[in-house]
Protein backbone atom coordinates (compact mmCIF):
# COMPACT_ATOMS: atom_id res chain seq x y z
CA MET A 1 79.40 98.77 65.07
CA THR A 2 79.13 96.61 68.18
CA TYR A 3 76.11 95.17 69.94
CA GLN A 4 75.20 94.54 73.55
CA THR A 5 75.67 91.07 74.97
CA THR A 6 74.38 88.78 77.68
CA ILE A 7 75.27 85.23 78.66
CA ALA A 8 73.84 82.36 76.61
CA ARG A 9 72.72 80.16 79.51
CA PRO A 10 72.51 80.29 83.34
CA VAL A 11 75.49 79.17 85.39
CA ALA A 12 76.01 78.94 89.15
CA THR A 13 78.60 78.51 91.89
CA SER A 14 78.74 78.68 95.68
CA GLY A 15 81.21 79.44 98.45
CA VAL A 16 81.86 81.45 101.60
CA GLY A 17 82.12 85.22 101.83
CA LEU A 18 85.58 86.63 102.58
CA HIS A 19 84.35 89.00 105.28
CA THR A 20 81.14 87.38 106.58
CA ALA A 21 82.17 83.68 106.30
CA VAL A 22 78.55 83.06 105.27
CA LYS A 23 78.03 80.48 102.53
CA SER A 24 76.13 81.76 99.51
CA ARG A 25 74.97 80.52 96.14
CA LEU A 26 75.56 82.79 93.15
CA LYS A 27 73.83 82.33 89.81
CA LEU A 28 74.32 84.29 86.58
CA VAL A 29 71.16 84.56 84.48
CA PRO A 30 70.74 86.03 80.95
CA ALA A 31 69.15 89.50 80.84
CA PRO A 32 67.62 91.53 78.01
CA ALA A 33 69.32 94.48 76.29
CA GLY A 34 69.40 97.65 78.34
CA THR A 35 69.31 95.85 81.70
CA GLY A 36 72.95 96.32 82.69
CA ILE A 37 74.49 94.29 85.51
CA VAL A 38 71.83 93.84 88.17
CA PHE A 39 72.20 91.95 91.45
CA ARG A 40 69.17 90.12 92.82
CA ARG A 41 68.92 89.14 96.48
CA VAL A 42 66.82 86.01 95.99
CA ASP A 43 66.65 85.61 99.79
CA LEU A 44 64.84 88.96 99.91
CA ASP A 45 62.06 88.52 97.31
CA ASP A 46 64.44 89.14 94.38
CA PHE A 47 65.28 92.66 95.54
CA GLU A 48 67.38 94.29 92.80
CA ILE A 49 70.51 96.41 93.20
CA GLU A 50 72.04 97.87 90.05
CA ALA A 51 75.83 97.74 89.67
CA HIS A 52 76.21 101.51 89.56
CA VAL A 53 78.25 103.95 91.62
CA ARG A 54 75.09 105.62 92.91
CA ASN A 55 74.51 102.44 94.95
CA VAL A 56 77.98 102.30 96.54
CA ALA A 57 77.57 101.91 100.29
CA ARG A 58 81.09 101.54 101.63
CA VAL A 59 84.52 100.68 100.32
CA SER A 60 86.42 99.35 103.36
CA TYR A 61 88.51 96.41 102.10
CA ALA A 62 85.78 95.61 99.53
CA THR A 63 83.26 97.40 97.36
CA SER A 64 79.77 97.08 98.81
CA LEU A 65 76.49 98.20 97.26
CA MET A 66 73.33 99.20 99.07
CA LYS A 67 69.84 100.18 97.98
CA LYS A 68 66.98 100.95 100.37
CA GLY A 69 68.93 99.40 103.22
CA VAL A 70 69.68 96.14 101.39
CA LEU A 71 73.41 95.41 101.36
CA LEU A 72 75.59 93.49 98.91
CA SER A 73 79.29 93.07 99.61
CA THR A 74 82.53 92.18 97.80
CA THR A 75 81.31 92.74 94.25
CA GLU A 76 84.58 93.80 92.60
CA HIS A 77 85.99 90.46 91.38
CA LEU A 78 82.82 89.42 89.56
CA LEU A 79 82.30 92.93 88.16
CA ALA A 80 85.87 92.97 86.83
CA ALA A 81 85.30 89.69 84.98
CA LEU A 82 81.95 90.74 83.51
CA TYR A 83 83.22 94.19 82.49
CA SER A 84 86.45 92.97 80.90
CA CYS A 85 84.67 90.19 79.01
CA GLY A 86 82.16 92.64 77.55
CA VAL A 87 79.05 91.23 79.26
CA ASP A 88 76.65 94.16 79.21
CA ASN A 89 73.52 92.59 80.64
CA VAL A 90 73.16 89.92 83.32
CA TYR A 91 71.21 89.18 86.47
CA VAL A 92 73.43 88.10 89.37
CA GLU A 93 71.27 86.11 91.77
CA LEU A 94 72.58 85.77 95.33
CA ASP A 95 71.04 84.29 98.49
CA ALA A 96 73.17 86.16 101.05
CA LEU A 97 74.71 89.61 101.58
CA GLU A 98 78.21 88.76 100.29
CA LEU A 99 79.44 87.19 97.07
CA PRO A 100 81.54 84.05 97.49
CA ILE A 101 85.28 84.73 97.47
CA LEU A 102 86.05 81.34 95.84
CA ASP A 103 89.86 81.21 95.40
CA GLY A 104 90.32 84.97 95.93
CA SER A 105 90.73 85.77 92.24
CA ALA A 106 88.47 86.41 89.25
CA GLN A 107 89.53 83.17 87.52
CA PRO A 108 86.47 81.16 88.73
CA PHE A 109 84.19 83.84 87.29
CA ILE A 110 86.01 83.73 83.95
CA GLU A 111 85.47 79.96 83.93
CA MET A 112 81.78 80.49 84.67
CA LEU A 113 81.49 82.87 81.73
CA GLN A 114 83.23 80.37 79.46
CA GLN A 115 80.72 77.75 80.56
CA ALA A 116 77.77 80.13 80.11
CA GLY A 117 78.82 81.44 76.70
CA ILE A 118 78.20 84.95 75.38
CA ARG A 119 75.16 85.85 73.29
CA ARG A 120 74.93 88.96 71.12
CA LEU A 121 71.77 91.04 71.42
CA ARG A 122 70.14 93.29 68.84
CA LYS A 123 70.67 96.60 70.62
CA ARG A 124 73.81 98.63 69.95
CA ARG A 125 76.33 99.10 72.74
CA ARG A 126 76.90 102.60 74.13
CA TYR A 127 80.38 103.59 75.26
CA LEU A 128 81.36 106.36 77.62
CA LYS A 129 84.28 108.13 75.95
CA VAL A 130 86.37 110.44 78.13
CA VAL A 131 87.23 113.73 76.39
CA LYS A 132 88.84 115.67 79.29
CA GLN A 133 91.07 114.44 82.08
CA LEU A 134 90.01 114.15 85.70
CA GLU A 135 92.33 113.53 88.65
CA VAL A 136 91.59 112.75 92.30
CA SER A 137 94.18 112.58 95.07
CA GLU A 138 94.38 111.92 98.79
CA GLY A 139 97.78 112.33 100.41
CA ASP A 140 100.28 110.37 98.35
CA ARG A 141 97.52 108.34 96.68
CA ARG A 142 96.06 109.44 93.38
CA ILE A 143 94.05 108.31 90.40
CA GLY A 144 93.32 109.94 87.04
CA ILE A 145 91.28 109.24 83.94
CA TYR A 146 92.37 110.54 80.52
CA PRO A 147 91.14 110.47 76.92
CA ALA A 148 91.98 107.33 74.94
CA ASP A 149 90.60 105.37 72.01
CA ASP A 150 90.27 102.13 73.98
CA PHE A 151 90.19 100.97 77.61
CA GLN A 152 93.58 101.02 79.32
CA VAL A 153 94.67 100.80 82.95
CA ARG A 154 97.94 101.49 84.70
CA CYS A 155 98.16 100.53 88.36
CA PHE A 156 101.08 101.14 90.74
CA VAL A 157 101.25 99.70 94.26
CA GLU A 158 103.92 99.77 96.93
CA TYR A 159 104.14 97.92 100.23
CA ALA A 160 107.05 97.91 102.69
CA HIS A 161 107.29 94.12 102.62
CA PRO A 162 110.12 92.01 101.17
CA ALA A 163 107.72 89.91 99.10
CA VAL A 164 105.93 92.90 97.55
CA GLY A 165 107.78 96.22 97.30
CA ALA A 166 106.84 98.36 94.30
CA GLN A 167 104.86 96.79 91.45
CA GLU A 168 103.25 98.27 88.34
CA VAL A 169 100.84 96.83 85.79
CA SER A 170 99.96 98.58 82.52
CA MET A 171 97.68 97.07 79.89
CA ARG A 172 94.88 97.44 77.38
CA VAL A 173 91.88 95.67 78.82
CA GLY A 174 89.88 93.10 76.90
CA ARG A 175 88.62 89.58 77.37
CA GLU A 176 91.86 87.84 76.42
CA SER A 177 94.24 90.23 78.20
CA PHE A 178 92.20 90.26 81.41
CA SER A 179 91.77 86.48 81.46
CA ARG A 180 95.48 85.88 80.92
CA ILE A 181 97.13 88.70 82.87
CA LEU A 182 94.81 89.65 85.74
CA ALA A 183 92.06 87.10 86.39
CA PRO A 184 94.23 84.50 88.21
CA ALA A 185 95.74 87.10 90.60
CA ARG A 186 94.44 86.57 94.15
CA THR A 187 93.56 88.94 96.94
CA PHE A 188 96.10 89.20 99.74
CA GLY A 189 96.52 90.17 103.36
CA PHE A 190 99.14 90.67 106.06
CA VAL A 191 99.10 88.56 109.24
CA GLN A 192 99.82 91.57 111.45
CA ASP A 193 96.58 93.21 110.25
CA PHE A 194 94.28 90.23 110.84
CA GLU A 195 93.42 90.78 114.51
CA GLY A 196 92.39 94.38 113.92
CA LEU A 197 90.37 93.49 110.82
CA ARG A 198 88.51 90.73 112.64
CA ARG A 199 87.64 93.13 115.46
CA MET A 200 86.07 95.27 112.71
CA GLY A 201 84.00 92.29 111.58
CA LEU A 202 86.12 91.69 108.47
CA ILE A 203 87.93 88.71 106.88
CA ARG A 204 86.02 86.14 108.97
CA GLY A 205 85.98 83.85 105.95
CA GLY A 206 89.61 84.42 104.96
CA SER A 207 91.89 81.37 104.73
CA LEU A 208 95.04 80.08 103.08
CA GLU A 209 92.79 78.71 100.32
CA ASN A 210 91.21 82.01 99.27
CA ALA A 211 93.94 84.63 99.77
CA ILE A 212 97.68 85.13 99.68
CA VAL A 213 98.78 85.45 103.30
CA LEU A 214 102.01 87.25 104.20
CA ASN A 215 103.86 87.18 107.50
CA GLU A 216 106.83 89.39 108.37
CA SER A 217 109.31 87.41 106.28
CA GLY A 218 107.37 86.29 103.21
CA VAL A 219 104.43 84.44 101.68
CA MET A 220 103.00 81.73 103.94
CA ASN A 221 101.06 79.86 101.25
CA GLY A 222 103.16 80.11 98.11
CA PRO A 223 104.04 79.76 95.41
CA LEU A 224 102.73 82.96 93.86
CA ARG A 225 100.97 82.66 90.52
CA PHE A 226 102.96 85.67 89.25
CA PRO A 227 105.97 87.52 90.72
CA ASP A 228 103.84 90.68 90.64
CA GLU A 229 100.56 89.03 91.69
CA PHE A 230 99.88 91.81 94.22
CA GLY A 231 99.99 94.56 91.60
CA ARG A 232 97.92 92.47 89.22
CA HIS A 233 95.21 91.92 91.81
CA LYS A 234 95.03 95.64 92.56
CA ALA A 235 94.55 96.28 88.83
CA LEU A 236 91.77 93.67 88.87
CA ASP A 237 90.07 95.50 91.75
CA LEU A 238 90.42 98.79 89.88
CA ILE A 239 88.61 97.41 86.83
CA GLY A 240 85.84 96.00 89.02
CA ASP A 241 85.25 99.42 90.55
CA LEU A 242 85.36 101.13 87.14
CA ALA A 243 82.53 98.83 86.05
CA LEU A 244 80.31 100.97 88.29
CA VAL A 245 80.35 103.60 85.52
CA GLY A 246 77.57 101.52 83.97
CA HIS A 247 78.93 101.64 80.40
CA PRO A 248 82.10 100.37 78.72
CA LEU A 249 84.82 102.99 78.99
CA LEU A 250 86.99 104.44 76.25
CA ALA A 251 89.65 105.96 78.49
CA ARG A 252 93.03 105.47 80.14
CA VAL A 253 92.97 105.17 83.92
CA GLU A 254 96.14 105.53 86.01
CA ALA A 255 96.09 104.65 89.70
CA TYR A 256 98.99 105.30 92.09
CA LYS A 257 98.68 103.56 95.47
CA ALA A 258 94.92 103.99 95.18
CA GLY A 259 92.19 101.74 96.56
CA HIS A 260 88.44 101.20 96.44
CA ALA A 261 87.68 104.62 97.98
CA LEU A 262 89.62 106.61 95.39
CA HIS A 263 88.39 104.38 92.56
CA THR A 264 84.75 105.06 93.39
CA GLN A 265 85.41 108.76 94.04
CA LEU A 266 86.78 109.01 90.52
CA VAL A 267 83.73 107.31 89.02
CA THR A 268 81.36 109.53 91.00
CA LYS A 269 83.12 112.75 89.98
CA LEU A 270 83.37 111.62 86.36
CA LEU A 271 79.65 110.92 86.00
CA ALA A 272 78.76 114.15 87.82
CA ASP A 273 80.47 116.30 85.18
CA SER A 274 79.11 115.62 81.69
CA SER A 275 81.69 117.97 80.14
CA LEU A 276 84.32 115.29 80.78
CA TRP A 277 82.80 112.63 78.56
CA THR A 278 80.50 111.85 75.69
CA GLU A 279 78.42 108.82 74.81
CA THR A 280 79.14 107.06 71.54
CA TYR A 281 77.88 103.93 69.82
CA ASP A 282 81.06 103.34 67.89
CA GLU A 283 84.46 102.14 68.93
CA THR A 284 87.47 103.70 67.28
CA PRO A 285 89.49 101.80 64.70
CA SER A 286 92.30 101.17 67.21
CA HIS A 287 89.87 99.45 69.56
CA HIS A 288 88.61 97.24 66.74
CA ARG A 289 92.19 96.27 65.98
CA GLN A 290 92.71 95.31 69.62
CA LEU A 291 89.61 93.13 69.66
CA ARG A 292 90.61 91.43 66.42
CA ALA A 293 94.08 90.77 67.84
CA GLU A 294 92.56 89.24 70.96
CA ALA A 295 90.26 87.09 68.87
CA SER A 296 93.19 85.72 66.91
CA VAL A 297 95.11 84.96 70.13
CA SER A 298 92.08 83.18 71.61
CA ALA A 299 91.65 81.12 68.46
């Protein structure tokens, strides 16, 4: 039997938005059981936007949420950290429309959670357990979700660039595995795309300090943190988008050259068909074994 969690104490950070270049202050605040992950625009009278796929606004180079015309952009890195670390309930206070990009990875958010601590609540945690497979495709891109006794992801990416090529990441997701394998992996971009993206109003806050930048021949601001950092970051993004299910998943998700649009399509279609899943309060024995193994590694 497992119980819902929140953070033990408030913690804050600040930085510029990747796409808007606007500086914002972000604060994580403990929340009661049953709240979920809720964003608060403190610059707009604490207007609340739930981290749920029903509030997805657009998914062009970032996952943005919108409710009643109020926008919130680039949520995926923080959501990936919260989801993988098992934080069920938290208020995310923000004083601008985009979360700070920080160093382009989820590592700063993991460090915030370590500083905040995790507190167990008295209400039992509900899991969404997938019982039938679902697949979504678009050209040569595809994503599927399949029954499993724990939460697993497999992510394949391929770019025609000498520093990237084909990369694949496959793992069981938990606090320790996410923090070690995925959290430090940074977002990335290609110099030849920058002019077009900026004309679209994107990546105004991008820099060599908050993203891996590639020119035609290689990485401009190396060294890489991992040889397959690009694939790892795409897996990180995938988990952040899967957090929009609203409950911890017991499922295996496989993504092939997918992105935010396919990720959120999958979540939307999954939740729309209740024959594909069931809600349960109990993890399976294999999931308990995984958590115990992670606890022993962390110790």
